[in-house]
């Protein structure tokens, strides 16, 4: 989930792209390149499923990222 700013994502395999801004939520699979669009810093929350095996609780990993470095 993007809290502020805008960033672009381009998939490595087929070149598809998307721009995300404040309030946007997306599923971005591995195999991509991403960069900040414009001058406003990007602040986002990244949520990932750590395991979807039946023996686990579908535990999530939640991280805040600063994509401006």
N, C-alpha and C. Protein backbone atom coordinates (compact mmCIF):
# COMPACT_ATOMS: atom_id res chain seq x y z
N UNK A 1 0.85 -1.16 0.00
CA UNK A 1 0.00 0.00 0.00
C UNK A 1 0.90 1.23 0.00
N UNK A 2 0.64 2.12 -0.93
CA UNK A 2 1.43 3.35 -1.03
C UNK A 2 0.77 4.41 -0.15
N UNK A 3 1.56 4.98 0.77
CA UNK A 3 1.05 6.01 1.66
C UNK A 3 1.27 7.41 1.10
N UNK A 4 2.40 7.60 0.40
CA UNK A 4 2.66 8.90 -0.24
C UNK A 4 3.67 8.72 -1.37
N UNK A 5 3.66 9.66 -2.30
CA UNK A 5 4.56 9.62 -3.44
C UNK A 5 4.04 8.70 -4.53
N UNK A 6 4.86 8.55 -5.58
CA UNK A 6 4.51 7.69 -6.72
C UNK A 6 5.74 6.90 -7.14
N UNK A 7 5.53 5.63 -7.51
CA UNK A 7 6.64 4.87 -8.06
C UNK A 7 6.15 4.01 -9.22
N UNK A 8 7.06 3.75 -10.15
CA UNK A 8 6.76 2.95 -11.33
C UNK A 8 7.39 1.58 -11.18
N UNK A 9 6.72 0.58 -11.76
CA UNK A 9 7.20 -0.79 -11.74
C UNK A 9 7.16 -1.32 -13.17
N UNK A 10 8.22 -2.01 -13.58
CA UNK A 10 8.24 -2.64 -14.89
C UNK A 10 8.68 -4.09 -14.71
N UNK A 11 7.90 -5.02 -15.29
CA UNK A 11 8.22 -6.44 -15.19
C UNK A 11 9.37 -6.79 -16.13
N UNK A 12 10.29 -7.63 -15.65
CA UNK A 12 11.45 -8.03 -16.44
C UNK A 12 11.08 -8.91 -17.63
N UNK A 13 10.08 -9.77 -17.47
CA UNK A 13 9.81 -10.76 -18.51
C UNK A 13 9.11 -10.21 -19.75
N UNK A 14 8.15 -9.31 -19.57
CA UNK A 14 7.40 -8.84 -20.74
C UNK A 14 7.29 -7.32 -20.85
N UNK A 15 7.92 -6.60 -19.93
CA UNK A 15 7.94 -5.15 -20.01
C UNK A 15 6.67 -4.44 -19.55
N UNK A 16 5.66 -5.22 -19.07
CA UNK A 16 4.45 -4.56 -18.56
C UNK A 16 4.84 -3.60 -17.45
N UNK A 17 4.11 -2.50 -17.36
CA UNK A 17 4.41 -1.52 -16.35
C UNK A 17 3.17 -0.95 -15.68
N UNK A 18 3.38 -0.36 -14.52
CA UNK A 18 2.29 0.23 -13.74
C UNK A 18 2.90 1.34 -12.89
N UNK A 19 2.13 2.38 -12.65
CA UNK A 19 2.55 3.45 -11.74
C UNK A 19 1.60 3.42 -10.56
N UNK A 20 2.16 3.43 -9.36
CA UNK A 20 1.38 3.40 -8.12
C UNK A 20 1.54 4.72 -7.40
N UNK A 21 0.44 5.21 -6.81
CA UNK A 21 0.45 6.44 -6.05
C UNK A 21 -0.26 6.26 -4.72
N UNK A 22 -0.31 7.33 -3.95
CA UNK A 22 -0.92 7.30 -2.61
C UNK A 22 -2.30 6.66 -2.66
N UNK A 23 -2.52 5.68 -1.78
CA UNK A 23 -3.79 4.98 -1.69
C UNK A 23 -3.88 3.73 -2.56
N UNK A 24 -2.91 3.52 -3.45
CA UNK A 24 -2.94 2.35 -4.33
C UNK A 24 -2.43 1.11 -3.61
N UNK A 25 -3.03 -0.01 -3.97
CA UNK A 25 -2.60 -1.32 -3.48
C UNK A 25 -2.40 -2.19 -4.71
N UNK A 26 -1.31 -2.94 -4.74
CA UNK A 26 -1.07 -3.80 -5.89
C UNK A 26 -0.32 -5.04 -5.50
N UNK A 27 -0.38 -6.03 -6.37
CA UNK A 27 0.41 -7.24 -6.21
C UNK A 27 1.55 -7.16 -7.23
N UNK A 28 2.77 -7.13 -6.71
CA UNK A 28 3.94 -6.98 -7.57
C UNK A 28 4.80 -8.22 -7.39
N UNK A 29 4.78 -9.14 -8.36
CA UNK A 29 5.56 -10.37 -8.22
C UNK A 29 7.06 -10.10 -8.37
N UNK A 30 7.84 -11.09 -8.00
CA UNK A 30 9.29 -10.97 -8.18
C UNK A 30 9.59 -10.88 -9.67
N UNK A 31 10.77 -10.36 -9.97
CA UNK A 31 11.17 -10.19 -11.38
C UNK A 31 10.74 -8.86 -11.93
N UNK A 32 11.02 -7.79 -11.19
CA UNK A 32 10.62 -6.45 -11.64
C UNK A 32 11.70 -5.43 -11.28
N UNK A 33 11.60 -4.28 -11.90
CA UNK A 33 12.42 -3.12 -11.56
C UNK A 33 11.45 -2.03 -11.13
N UNK A 34 11.84 -1.21 -10.17
CA UNK A 34 10.95 -0.14 -9.68
C UNK A 34 11.77 1.11 -9.40
N UNK A 35 11.15 2.28 -9.57
CA UNK A 35 11.82 3.54 -9.33
C UNK A 35 10.80 4.59 -8.92
N UNK A 36 11.28 5.61 -8.22
CA UNK A 36 10.44 6.72 -7.77
C UNK A 36 10.12 7.62 -8.95
N UNK A 37 8.87 8.02 -9.08
CA UNK A 37 8.42 8.95 -10.11
C UNK A 37 8.26 10.33 -9.46
N UNK A 38 8.96 11.32 -9.95
CA UNK A 38 8.83 12.67 -9.42
C UNK A 38 9.74 12.93 -8.25
N UNK A 39 9.48 14.04 -7.55
CA UNK A 39 10.35 14.49 -6.47
C UNK A 39 9.83 14.15 -5.08
N UNK A 40 8.57 13.73 -4.96
CA UNK A 40 8.01 13.43 -3.64
C UNK A 40 8.51 12.07 -3.16
N UNK A 41 8.98 12.00 -1.92
CA UNK A 41 9.43 10.71 -1.37
C UNK A 41 8.29 9.69 -1.37
N UNK A 42 8.64 8.43 -1.59
CA UNK A 42 7.66 7.35 -1.56
C UNK A 42 7.73 6.66 -0.20
N UNK A 43 6.58 6.53 0.43
CA UNK A 43 6.45 5.76 1.67
C UNK A 43 5.39 4.71 1.40
N UNK A 44 5.73 3.43 1.65
CA UNK A 44 4.82 2.34 1.35
C UNK A 44 4.92 1.26 2.42
N UNK A 45 3.87 0.48 2.53
CA UNK A 45 3.84 -0.69 3.40
C UNK A 45 3.86 -1.92 2.50
N UNK A 46 4.79 -2.80 2.75
CA UNK A 46 4.98 -4.01 1.96
C UNK A 46 4.54 -5.20 2.80
N UNK A 47 3.55 -5.96 2.32
CA UNK A 47 3.07 -7.14 3.04
C UNK A 47 3.36 -8.37 2.19
N UNK A 48 3.95 -9.40 2.81
CA UNK A 48 4.28 -10.62 2.08
C UNK A 48 3.83 -11.83 2.89
N UNK A 49 3.31 -12.83 2.20
CA UNK A 49 2.99 -14.10 2.86
C UNK A 49 4.29 -14.87 3.04
N UNK A 50 4.59 -15.25 4.25
CA UNK A 50 5.82 -15.99 4.52
C UNK A 50 5.67 -17.46 4.16
N UNK A 51 4.47 -17.99 4.31
CA UNK A 51 4.24 -19.40 3.98
C UNK A 51 2.76 -19.61 3.72
N UNK A 52 2.44 -20.39 2.71
CA UNK A 52 1.04 -20.75 2.48
C UNK A 52 0.86 -22.25 2.56
N UNK A 53 1.80 -22.91 3.24
CA UNK A 53 1.69 -24.35 3.45
C UNK A 53 0.62 -24.63 4.49
N UNK A 54 -0.13 -25.73 4.35
CA UNK A 54 -1.21 -26.04 5.29
C UNK A 54 -0.77 -26.12 6.74
N UNK A 55 0.49 -26.46 6.98
CA UNK A 55 0.96 -26.61 8.36
C UNK A 55 1.26 -25.27 9.02
N UNK A 56 1.19 -24.15 8.27
CA UNK A 56 1.48 -22.83 8.81
C UNK A 56 0.20 -22.00 8.90
N UNK A 57 0.29 -20.85 9.52
CA UNK A 57 -0.87 -19.98 9.72
C UNK A 57 -1.00 -18.90 8.66
N UNK A 58 -0.39 -19.08 7.47
CA UNK A 58 -0.36 -18.02 6.46
C UNK A 58 0.14 -16.72 7.07
N UNK A 59 1.24 -16.80 7.77
CA UNK A 59 1.84 -15.68 8.47
C UNK A 59 2.28 -14.60 7.48
N UNK A 60 2.02 -13.34 7.83
CA UNK A 60 2.41 -12.21 6.99
C UNK A 60 3.62 -11.52 7.58
N UNK A 61 4.45 -11.00 6.70
CA UNK A 61 5.58 -10.15 7.07
C UNK A 61 5.21 -8.74 6.60
N UNK A 62 5.20 -7.78 7.49
CA UNK A 62 4.85 -6.41 7.13
C UNK A 62 6.06 -5.51 7.38
N UNK A 63 6.44 -4.74 6.34
CA UNK A 63 7.60 -3.87 6.44
C UNK A 63 7.26 -2.51 5.88
N UNK A 64 7.80 -1.47 6.48
CA UNK A 64 7.71 -0.12 5.91
C UNK A 64 8.99 0.12 5.12
N UNK A 65 8.87 0.69 3.95
CA UNK A 65 10.03 0.90 3.08
C UNK A 65 10.18 2.38 2.74
N UNK A 66 11.42 2.80 2.64
CA UNK A 66 11.78 4.10 2.11
C UNK A 66 12.44 3.85 0.78
N UNK A 67 11.74 4.09 -0.32
CA UNK A 67 12.22 3.78 -1.66
C UNK A 67 13.05 4.92 -2.26
N UNK A 68 13.49 5.84 -1.45
CA UNK A 68 14.16 7.04 -1.94
C UNK A 68 15.67 6.98 -1.82
N UNK A 69 16.21 5.91 -1.25
CA UNK A 69 17.65 5.82 -1.05
C UNK A 69 18.34 5.25 -2.26
